[in-house]
Amino acid sequence: MASNLMYKNIVMASKKSTEKEKEQFQQPENMAENTVNQEQVKGNESELESNQTEDAALVESNDAESTQSEKEKYLRLYSEFENFRRRTTKERLEWMQNASKDMIEAVLPVVDDMERALSALKNAGDSTASEGMELIFKKLYGILERKGLKPMNAKGEDFNPDLHEAVTQFAAPSPELVGKVIDEVEKGYFLNDKVLRFAKVVVGN
């Protein structure tokens, strides 16, 4: 009986020793497995953070490109609008300045006749008639000047084909007048600094 009890105790002690040995062998394996799992988790977290950073950088880059593109489109449209506005303003101003061009051009022969009549009255010594004609002429001429009409001074100037129309040529009375306008057959005029009518002149040769 005592020997059986002793045998049981020995068997129990042997089982406990075996279980402890198994636990000792399993613990390092579990520790190594846990270490590997932790490293994998850390690696996954690091990869996730890297992907998130790359995605954020890509979104930011796309936003910057889109903003720059929209800015360039806005600048182009603004530039085109400014050019259109300036061109339209210039055309409207020119139209307003030259709106009366045809009417003034039609009136110029009347101005020529009034100048001739005024000169003839002064030469005839009719002071009363010349004063009345001069008053009317000044009123008419003042209206035309306010519309932008300016006389062209041609006599004594160098002949300029952009301003003068040579009717004929005469021998110059002096060497200084060669190539210059020695007489004016019909006066030329500017309208808002543009030639309205060329001066018909006699050129010295």
Foldseek 3Di string as FASTA:
>chain_A
DVVVVVVVVVVVVVVVVVVVVVVVVVVVVVVVVVVVVVVVVVVVVVVVVVVVVVVVVVVVVVVVVVVVVVVVVVVVVVVVVVVVVVVVVVVVVVCQLCVCLVVVLVCQVVLVVLVVVLVVCVVVVVVVVNVVSVVVSVVVVVVVVVSAKDWDDAAPAADDPLAADEPEEDADPDPSQARGFHAWPGIWMDRNNHTSGHTYTYGHD
